[in-house]
Amino acid sequence: MHDWVLANERMARVLAEKGYEYQYVFVRNAWHCDKAMKEQTLPGALEWLWQGYEQGRVKSAGGE
């Protein structure tokens, strides 16, 4: 246990088998919360996460 690479690869495989959309990015020589890694991967991850989002559509706090 405590093999985060193996755990993440297994999770990616399970998500793929179940038909979920996911993004798995492996960064060599990076530490947990490595600043350089976040600077390189965060913009693309946010673009992927928000793809298809309708710009300008905002829900109010009341759910209307």
C-alpha atoms as a PDB file:
ATOM      1  CA  MET A   1       0.000   0.000   0.000  1.00  0.00           C
ATOM      2  CA  HIS A   2       0.941   3.680  -0.057  1.00  0.00           C
ATOM      3  CA  ASP A   3       1.733   3.395  -3.768  1.00  0.00           C
ATOM      4  CA  TRP A   4      -0.160   6.443  -5.043  1.00  0.00           C
ATOM      5  CA  VAL A   5       0.878   5.887  -8.660  1.00  0.00           C
ATOM      6  CA  LEU A   6      -0.557   2.370  -8.661  1.00  0.00           C
ATOM      7  CA  ALA A   7      -3.694   3.503  -6.832  1.00  0.00           C
ATOM      8  CA  ASN A   8      -4.270   6.301  -9.346  1.00  0.00           C
ATOM      9  CA  GLU A   9      -3.722   3.965 -12.298  1.00  0.00           C
ATOM     10  CA  ARG A  10      -6.251   1.523 -10.833  1.00  0.00           C
ATOM     11  CA  MET A  11      -8.761   4.333 -10.300  1.00  0.00           C
ATOM     12  CA  ALA A  12      -8.323   5.494 -13.906  1.00  0.00           C
ATOM     13  CA  ARG A  13      -8.898   1.943 -15.133  1.00  0.00           C
ATOM     14  CA  VAL A  14     -12.085   1.578 -13.069  1.00  0.00           C
ATOM     15  CA  LEU A  15     -13.431   4.937 -14.264  1.00  0.00           C
ATOM     16  CA  ALA A  16     -12.747   3.934 -17.878  1.00  0.00           C
ATOM     17  CA  GLU A  17     -14.429   0.545 -17.424  1.00  0.00           C
ATOM     18  CA  LYS A  18     -17.527   2.258 -16.028  1.00  0.00           C
ATOM     19  CA  GLY A  19     -17.634   4.731 -18.901  1.00  0.00           C
ATOM     20  CA  TYR A  20     -16.896   7.856 -16.874  1.00  0.00           C
ATOM     21  CA  GLU A  21     -15.139  10.803 -18.442  1.00  0.00           C
ATOM     22  CA  TYR A  22     -11.907  11.424 -16.581  1.00  0.00           C
ATOM     23  CA  GLN A  23      -8.473  12.887 -17.018  1.00  0.00           C
ATOM     24  CA  TYR A  24      -5.403  11.134 -15.634  1.00  0.00           C
ATOM     25  CA  VAL A  25      -2.130  13.062 -15.742  1.00  0.00           C
ATOM     26  CA  PHE A  26       1.127  11.539 -14.513  1.00  0.00           C
ATOM     27  CA  VAL A  27       3.954  13.968 -13.756  1.00  0.00           C
ATOM     28  CA  ARG A  28       7.452  12.543 -13.356  1.00  0.00           C
ATOM     29  CA  ASN A  29       9.734  13.811 -10.585  1.00  0.00           C
ATOM     30  CA  ALA A  30       7.004  15.855  -8.899  1.00  0.00           C
ATOM     31  CA  TRP A  31       6.203  15.907  -5.204  1.00  0.00           C
ATOM     32  CA  HIS A  32       2.749  16.172  -3.677  1.00  0.00           C
ATOM     33  CA  CYS A  33       1.396  19.668  -4.381  1.00  0.00           C
ATOM     34  CA  ASP A  34       4.519  20.534  -6.364  1.00  0.00           C
ATOM     35  CA  LYS A  35       4.207  24.172  -7.531  1.00  0.00           C
ATOM     36  CA  ALA A  36       5.716  23.599 -10.982  1.00  0.00           C
ATOM     37  CA  MET A  37       3.394  20.632 -11.574  1.00  0.00           C
ATOM     38  CA  LYS A  38       0.313  22.685 -10.638  1.00  0.00           C
ATOM     39  CA  GLU A  39       1.402  25.540 -12.903  1.00  0.00           C
ATOM     40  CA  GLN A  40       1.752  23.114 -15.814  1.00  0.00           C
ATOM     41  CA  THR A  41      -1.379  21.004 -15.315  1.00  0.00           C
ATOM     42  CA  LEU A  42      -3.993  23.236 -13.634  1.00  0.00           C
ATOM     43  CA  PRO A  43      -4.955  25.350 -16.680  1.00  0.00           C
ATOM     44  CA  GLY A  44      -5.612  22.278 -18.840  1.00  0.00           C
ATOM     45  CA  ALA A  45      -7.440  20.520 -16.010  1.00  0.00           C
ATOM     46  CA  LEU A  46      -9.752  23.496 -15.491  1.00  0.00           C
ATOM     47  CA  GLU A  47     -10.453  23.735 -19.220  1.00  0.00           C
ATOM     48  CA  TRP A  48     -11.309  20.029 -19.295  1.00  0.00           C
ATOM     49  CA  LEU A  49     -13.472  20.311 -16.170  1.00  0.00           C
ATOM     50  CA  TRP A  50     -15.516  23.245 -17.476  1.00  0.00           C
ATOM     51  CA  GLN A  51     -15.855  22.104 -21.105  1.00  0.00           C
ATOM     52  CA  GLY A  52     -19.416  22.518 -22.317  1.00  0.00           C
ATOM     53  CA  TYR A  53     -20.376  24.847 -19.475  1.00  0.00           C
ATOM     54  CA  GLU A  54     -22.864  27.486 -20.533  1.00  0.00           C
ATOM     55  CA  GLN A  55     -21.187  30.826 -19.970  1.00  0.00           C
ATOM     56  CA  GLY A  56     -23.421  33.416 -18.353  1.00  0.00           C
ATOM     57  CA  ARG A  57     -25.790  30.902 -16.752  1.00  0.00           C
ATOM     58  CA  VAL A  58     -25.675  31.425 -12.989  1.00  0.00           C
ATOM     59  CA  LYS A  59     -27.923  29.851 -10.361  1.00  0.00           C
ATOM     60  CA  SER A  60     -29.043  32.089  -7.549  1.00  0.00           C
ATOM     61  CA  ALA A  61     -28.544  31.070  -3.932  1.00  0.00           C
ATOM     62  CA  GLY A  62     -32.268  30.274  -3.773  1.00  0.00           C
ATOM     63  CA  GLY A  63     -32.005  27.687  -6.543  1.00  0.00           C
ATOM     64  CA  GLU A  64     -34.027  29.683  -9.076  1.00  0.00           C
END
